[in-house]
Amino acid sequence: MDQPLFLLALQFIAFVLIICIVYGILYNTVLNLNMPKWTAHMVATVFSLGIAYQAFINFI
């Protein structure tokens, strides 16, 4: 890791924001499809963690 601590902190904040924003969008979208809440939570969690993982891999 050759990056300064400041950039690592910015990346961490970006990952948290990605997870939160994508989770909120997906959760509301799945709920609008008249699916149960537990399904909306599961779908939003899996997809937001997957997107955050891909973003993390692209930063490395």
PDB file of N, CA and C in Angstrom:
ATOM      1  N   MET A   1       0.843  -1.178   0.000  1.00  0.00           N
ATOM      2  CA  MET A   1       0.000   0.000   0.000  1.00  0.00           C
ATOM      3  C   MET A   1       0.891   1.245   0.000  1.00  0.00           C
ATOM      4  N   ASP A   2       1.008   1.826  -1.165  1.00  0.00           N
ATOM      5  CA  ASP A   2       1.849   3.004  -1.295  1.00  0.00           C
ATOM      6  C   ASP A   2       1.060   4.293  -1.143  1.00  0.00           C
ATOM      7  N   GLN A   3      -0.224   4.194  -0.891  1.00  0.00           N
ATOM      8  CA  GLN A   3      -1.049   5.386  -0.833  1.00  0.00           C
ATOM      9  C   GLN A   3      -0.985   6.025   0.549  1.00  0.00           C
ATOM     10  N   PRO A   4      -1.068   7.350   0.583  1.00  0.00           N
ATOM     11  CA  PRO A   4      -1.095   8.034   1.876  1.00  0.00           C
ATOM     12  C   PRO A   4      -2.375   7.712   2.645  1.00  0.00           C
ATOM     13  N   LEU A   5      -2.316   7.937   3.927  1.00  0.00           N
ATOM     14  CA  LEU A   5      -3.443   7.625   4.801  1.00  0.00           C
ATOM     15  C   LEU A   5      -4.684   8.422   4.423  1.00  0.00           C
ATOM     16  N   PHE A   6      -4.497   9.641   3.947  1.00  0.00           N
ATOM     17  CA  PHE A   6      -5.630  10.478   3.552  1.00  0.00           C
ATOM     18  C   PHE A   6      -6.438   9.832   2.427  1.00  0.00           C
ATOM     19  N   LEU A   7      -5.742   9.296   1.421  1.00  0.00           N
ATOM     20  CA  LEU A   7      -6.452   8.654   0.314  1.00  0.00           C
ATOM     21  C   LEU A   7      -7.138   7.370   0.758  1.00  0.00           C
ATOM     22  N   LEU A   8      -6.526   6.641   1.671  1.00  0.00           N
ATOM     23  CA  LEU A   8      -7.169   5.436   2.190  1.00  0.00           C
ATOM     24  C   LEU A   8      -8.441   5.781   2.951  1.00  0.00           C
ATOM     25  N   ALA A   9      -8.403   6.882   3.699  1.00  0.00           N
ATOM     26  CA  ALA A   9      -9.598   7.317   4.423  1.00  0.00           C
ATOM     27  C   ALA A   9     -10.696   7.730   3.440  1.00  0.00           C
ATOM     28  N   LEU A  10     -10.328   8.412   2.367  1.00  0.00           N
ATOM     29  CA  LEU A  10     -11.315   8.793   1.350  1.00  0.00           C
ATOM     30  C   LEU A  10     -11.927   7.566   0.674  1.00  0.00           C
ATOM     31  N   GLN A  11     -11.096   6.560   0.408  1.00  0.00           N
ATOM     32  CA  GLN A  11     -11.616   5.332  -0.190  1.00  0.00           C
ATOM     33  C   GLN A  11     -12.585   4.633   0.750  1.00  0.00           C
ATOM     34  N   PHE A  12     -12.271   4.605   2.025  1.00  0.00           N
ATOM     35  CA  PHE A  12     -13.163   3.975   3.002  1.00  0.00           C
ATOM     36  C   PHE A  12     -14.509   4.692   3.051  1.00  0.00           C
ATOM     37  N   ILE A  13     -14.461   6.024   3.051  1.00  0.00           N
ATOM     38  CA  ILE A  13     -15.704   6.804   3.051  1.00  0.00           C
ATOM     39  C   ILE A  13     -16.496   6.533   1.769  1.00  0.00           C
ATOM     40  N   ALA A  14     -15.802   6.425   0.644  1.00  0.00           N
ATOM     41  CA  ALA A  14     -16.481   6.141  -0.629  1.00  0.00           C
ATOM     42  C   ALA A  14     -17.162   4.778  -0.597  1.00  0.00           C
ATOM     43  N   PHE A  15     -16.498   3.771  -0.027  1.00  0.00           N
ATOM     44  CA  PHE A  15     -17.098   2.440   0.045  1.00  0.00           C
ATOM     45  C   PHE A  15     -18.345   2.450   0.919  1.00  0.00           C
ATOM     46  N   VAL A  16     -18.288   3.152   2.032  1.00  0.00           N
ATOM     47  CA  VAL A  16     -19.452   3.226   2.923  1.00  0.00           C
ATOM     48  C   VAL A  16     -20.610   3.933   2.219  1.00  0.00           C
ATOM     49  N   LEU A  17     -20.305   5.012   1.512  1.00  0.00           N
ATOM     50  CA  LEU A  17     -21.359   5.721   0.775  1.00  0.00           C
ATOM     51  C   LEU A  17     -21.952   4.867  -0.336  1.00  0.00           C
ATOM     52  N   ILE A  18     -21.101   4.116  -1.031  1.00  0.00           N
ATOM     53  CA  ILE A  18     -21.594   3.226  -2.083  1.00  0.00           C
ATOM     54  C   ILE A  18     -22.573   2.219  -1.499  1.00  0.00           C
ATOM     55  N   ILE A  19     -22.190   1.602  -0.393  1.00  0.00           N
ATOM     56  CA  ILE A  19     -23.055   0.596   0.225  1.00  0.00           C
ATOM     57  C   ILE A  19     -24.376   1.219   0.645  1.00  0.00           C
ATOM     58  N   CYS A  20     -24.330   2.372   1.288  1.00  0.00           N
ATOM     59  CA  CYS A  20     -25.563   2.999   1.793  1.00  0.00           C
ATOM     60  C   CYS A  20     -26.487   3.440   0.666  1.00  0.00           C
ATOM     61  N   ILE A  21     -25.945   4.094  -0.338  1.00  0.00           N
ATOM     62  CA  ILE A  21     -26.773   4.614  -1.428  1.00  0.00           C
ATOM     63  C   ILE A  21     -27.381   3.477  -2.236  1.00  0.00           C
ATOM     64  N   VAL A  22     -26.569   2.498  -2.603  1.00  0.00           N
ATOM     65  CA  VAL A  22     -27.082   1.386  -3.399  1.00  0.00           C
ATOM     66  C   VAL A  22     -28.092   0.582  -2.598  1.00  0.00           C
ATOM     67  N   TYR A  23     -27.825   0.386  -1.312  1.00  0.00           N
ATOM     68  CA  TYR A  23     -28.764  -0.357  -0.471  1.00  0.00           C
ATOM     69  C   TYR A  23     -30.122   0.343  -0.428  1.00  0.00           C
ATOM     70  N   GLY A  24     -30.104   1.651  -0.226  1.00  0.00           N
ATOM     71  CA  GLY A  24     -31.359   2.392  -0.161  1.00  0.00           C
ATOM     72  C   GLY A  24     -32.142   2.340  -1.456  1.00  0.00           C
ATOM     73  N   ILE A  25     -31.456   2.497  -2.576  1.00  0.00           N
ATOM     74  CA  ILE A  25     -32.136   2.457  -3.874  1.00  0.00           C
ATOM     75  C   ILE A  25     -32.727   1.074  -4.129  1.00  0.00           C
ATOM     76  N   LEU A  26     -31.925   0.035  -3.906  1.00  0.00           N
ATOM     77  CA  LEU A  26     -32.414  -1.316  -4.175  1.00  0.00           C
ATOM     78  C   LEU A  26     -33.535  -1.713  -3.226  1.00  0.00           C
ATOM     79  N   TYR A  27     -33.422  -1.332  -1.969  1.00  0.00           N
ATOM     80  CA  TYR A  27     -34.449  -1.697  -0.989  1.00  0.00           C
ATOM     81  C   TYR A  27     -35.798  -1.090  -1.377  1.00  0.00           C
ATOM     82  N   ASN A  28     -35.795   0.185  -1.718  1.00  0.00           N
ATOM     83  CA  ASN A  28     -37.052   0.834  -2.112  1.00  0.00           C
ATOM     84  C   ASN A  28     -37.599   0.277  -3.425  1.00  0.00           C
ATOM     85  N   THR A  29     -36.704  -0.054  -4.353  1.00  0.00           N
ATOM     86  CA  THR A  29     -37.151  -0.612  -5.628  1.00  0.00           C
ATOM     87  C   THR A  29     -37.808  -1.971  -5.439  1.00  0.00           C
ATOM     88  N   VAL A  30     -37.181  -2.826  -4.635  1.00  0.00           N
ATOM     89  CA  VAL A  30     -37.745  -4.160  -4.412  1.00  0.00           C
ATOM     90  C   VAL A  30     -39.050  -4.062  -3.633  1.00  0.00           C
ATOM     91  N   LEU A  31     -39.135  -3.136  -2.678  1.00  0.00           N
ATOM     92  CA  LEU A  31     -40.394  -2.971  -1.947  1.00  0.00           C
ATOM     93  C   LEU A  31     -41.519  -2.508  -2.864  1.00  0.00           C
ATOM     94  N   ASN A  32     -41.191  -1.688  -3.858  1.00  0.00           N
ATOM     95  CA  ASN A  32     -42.212  -1.224  -4.800  1.00  0.00           C
ATOM     96  C   ASN A  32     -42.722  -2.347  -5.701  1.00  0.00           C
ATOM     97  N   LEU A  33     -41.992  -3.469  -5.741  1.00  0.00           N
ATOM     98  CA  LEU A  33     -42.433  -4.626  -6.522  1.00  0.00           C
ATOM     99  C   LEU A  33     -43.341  -5.538  -5.703  1.00  0.00           C
ATOM    100  N   ASN A  34     -43.791  -5.051  -4.545  1.00  0.00           N
ATOM    101  CA  ASN A  34     -44.698  -5.780  -3.657  1.00  0.00           C
ATOM    102  C   ASN A  34     -44.111  -7.097  -3.164  1.00  0.00           C
ATOM    103  N   MET A  35     -42.825  -7.093  -2.845  1.00  0.00           N
ATOM    104  CA  MET A  35     -42.190  -8.270  -2.260  1.00  0.00           C
ATOM    105  C   MET A  35     -42.082  -8.069  -0.755  1.00  0.00           C
ATOM    106  N   PRO A  36     -41.903  -9.151   0.000  1.00  0.00           N
ATOM    107  CA  PRO A  36     -41.785  -9.016   1.459  1.00  0.00           C
ATOM    108  C   PRO A  36     -40.546  -8.217   1.858  1.00  0.00           C
ATOM    109  N   LYS A  37     -40.585  -7.668   3.079  1.00  0.00           N
ATOM    110  CA  LYS A  37     -39.463  -6.846   3.545  1.00  0.00           C
ATOM    111  C   LYS A  37     -38.176  -7.653   3.651  1.00  0.00           C
ATOM    112  N   TRP A  38     -38.275  -8.915   4.117  1.00  0.00           N
ATOM    113  CA  TRP A  38     -37.050  -9.705   4.271  1.00  0.00           C
ATOM    114  C   TRP A  38     -36.401  -9.962   2.916  1.00  0.00           C
ATOM    115  N   THR A  39     -37.200 -10.106   1.864  1.00  0.00           N
ATOM    116  CA  THR A  39     -36.645 -10.284   0.523  1.00  0.00           C
ATOM    117  C   THR A  39     -35.958  -9.004   0.061  1.00  0.00           C
ATOM    118  N   ALA A  40     -36.568  -7.875   0.347  1.00  0.00           N
ATOM    119  CA  ALA A  40     -35.962  -6.600  -0.039  1.00  0.00           C
ATOM    120  C   ALA A  40     -34.641  -6.389   0.687  1.00  0.00           C
ATOM    121  N   HIS A  41     -34.606  -6.719   1.980  1.00  0.00           N
ATOM    122  CA  HIS A  41     -33.355  -6.594   2.734  1.00  0.00           C
ATOM    123  C   HIS A  41     -32.277  -7.507   2.151  1.00  0.00           C
ATOM    124  N   MET A  42     -32.646  -8.746   1.854  1.00  0.00           N
ATOM    125  CA  MET A  42     -31.655  -9.700   1.357  1.00  0.00           C
ATOM    126  C   MET A  42     -31.112  -9.288  -0.006  1.00  0.00           C
ATOM    127  N   VAL A  43     -32.002  -8.912  -0.919  1.00  0.00           N
ATOM    128  CA  VAL A  43     -31.570  -8.511  -2.260  1.00  0.00           C
ATOM    129  C   VAL A  43     -30.695  -7.265  -2.188  1.00  0.00           C
ATOM    130  N   ALA A  44     -31.112  -6.283  -1.417  1.00  0.00           N
ATOM    131  CA  ALA A  44     -30.344  -5.042  -1.309  1.00  0.00           C
ATOM    132  C   ALA A  44     -28.983  -5.293  -0.671  1.00  0.00           C
ATOM    133  N   THR A  45     -28.927  -6.153   0.343  1.00  0.00           N
ATOM    134  CA  THR A  45     -27.656  -6.442   1.007  1.00  0.00           C
ATOM    135  C   THR A  45     -26.690  -7.138   0.066  1.00  0.00           C
ATOM    136  N   VAL A  46     -27.151  -8.160  -0.622  1.00  0.00           N
ATOM    137  CA  VAL A  46     -26.270  -8.925  -1.511  1.00  0.00           C
ATOM    138  C   VAL A  46     -25.740  -8.045  -2.641  1.00  0.00           C
ATOM    139  N   PHE A  47     -26.623  -7.294  -3.280  1.00  0.00           N
ATOM    140  CA  PHE A  47     -26.182  -6.480  -4.411  1.00  0.00           C
ATOM    141  C   PHE A  47     -25.291  -5.318  -3.975  1.00  0.00           C
ATOM    142  N   SER A  48     -25.596  -4.679  -2.850  1.00  0.00           N
ATOM    143  CA  SER A  48     -24.765  -3.552  -2.428  1.00  0.00           C
ATOM    144  C   SER A  48     -23.384  -4.020  -1.986  1.00  0.00           C
ATOM    145  N   LEU A  49     -23.303  -5.169  -1.317  1.00  0.00           N
ATOM    146  CA  LEU A  49     -21.986  -5.697  -0.956  1.00  0.00           C
ATOM    147  C   LEU A  49     -21.207  -6.130  -2.194  1.00  0.00           C
ATOM    148  N   GLY A  50     -21.891  -6.677  -3.175  1.00  0.00           N
ATOM    149  CA  GLY A  50     -21.220  -7.056  -4.417  1.00  0.00           C
ATOM    150  C   GLY A  50     -20.675  -5.855  -5.170  1.00  0.00           C
ATOM    151  N   ILE A  51     -21.451  -4.787  -5.219  1.00  0.00           N
ATOM    152  CA  ILE A  51     -20.994  -3.573  -5.896  1.00  0.00           C
ATOM    153  C   ILE A  51     -19.827  -2.941  -5.138  1.00  0.00           C
ATOM    154  N   ALA A  52     -19.900  -2.936  -3.809  1.00  0.00           N
ATOM    155  CA  ALA A  52     -18.797  -2.387  -3.019  1.00  0.00           C
ATOM    156  C   ALA A  52     -17.536  -3.227  -3.195  1.00  0.00           C
ATOM    157  N   TYR A  53     -17.693  -4.544  -3.288  1.00  0.00           N
ATOM    158  CA  TYR A  53     -16.537  -5.420  -3.515  1.00  0.00           C
ATOM    159  C   TYR A  53     -15.891  -5.114  -4.865  1.00  0.00           C
ATOM    160  N   GLN A  54     -16.705  -4.950  -5.893  1.00  0.00           N
ATOM    161  CA  GLN A  54     -16.153  -4.632  -7.204  1.00  0.00           C
ATOM    162  C   GLN A  54     -15.444  -3.276  -7.201  1.00  0.00           C
ATOM    163  N   ALA A  55     -16.011  -2.305  -6.514  1.00  0.00           N
ATOM    164  CA  ALA A  55     -15.362  -0.994  -6.423  1.00  0.00           C
ATOM    165  C   ALA A  55     -14.034  -1.109  -5.684  1.00  0.00           C
ATOM    166  N   PHE A  56     -14.001  -1.916  -4.624  1.00  0.00           N
ATOM    167  CA  PHE A  56     -12.764  -2.109  -3.865  1.00  0.00           C
ATOM    168  C   PHE A  56     -11.695  -2.777  -4.725  1.00  0.00           C
ATOM    169  N   ILE A  57     -12.081  -3.784  -5.490  1.00  0.00           N
ATOM    170  CA  ILE A  57     -11.125  -4.474  -6.357  1.00  0.00           C
ATOM    171  C   ILE A  57     -10.600  -3.521  -7.433  1.00  0.00           C
ATOM    172  N   ASN A  58     -11.444  -2.652  -7.943  1.00  0.00           N
ATOM    173  CA  ASN A  58     -10.999  -1.705  -8.966  1.00  0.00           C
ATOM    174  C   ASN A  58     -10.038  -0.664  -8.401  1.00  0.00           C
ATOM    175  N   PHE A  59     -10.148  -0.334  -7.117  1.00  0.00           N
ATOM    176  CA  PHE A  59      -9.242   0.637  -6.514  1.00  0.00           C
ATOM    177  C   PHE A  59      -7.859   0.050  -6.265  1.00  0.00           C
ATOM    178  N   ILE A  60      -7.785  -1.256  -6.101  1.00  0.00           N
ATOM    179  CA  ILE A  60      -6.490  -1.887  -5.762  1.00  0.00           C
ATOM    180  C   ILE A  60      -5.598  -1.969  -6.973  1.00  0.00           C
TER     181      ILE A  60
END
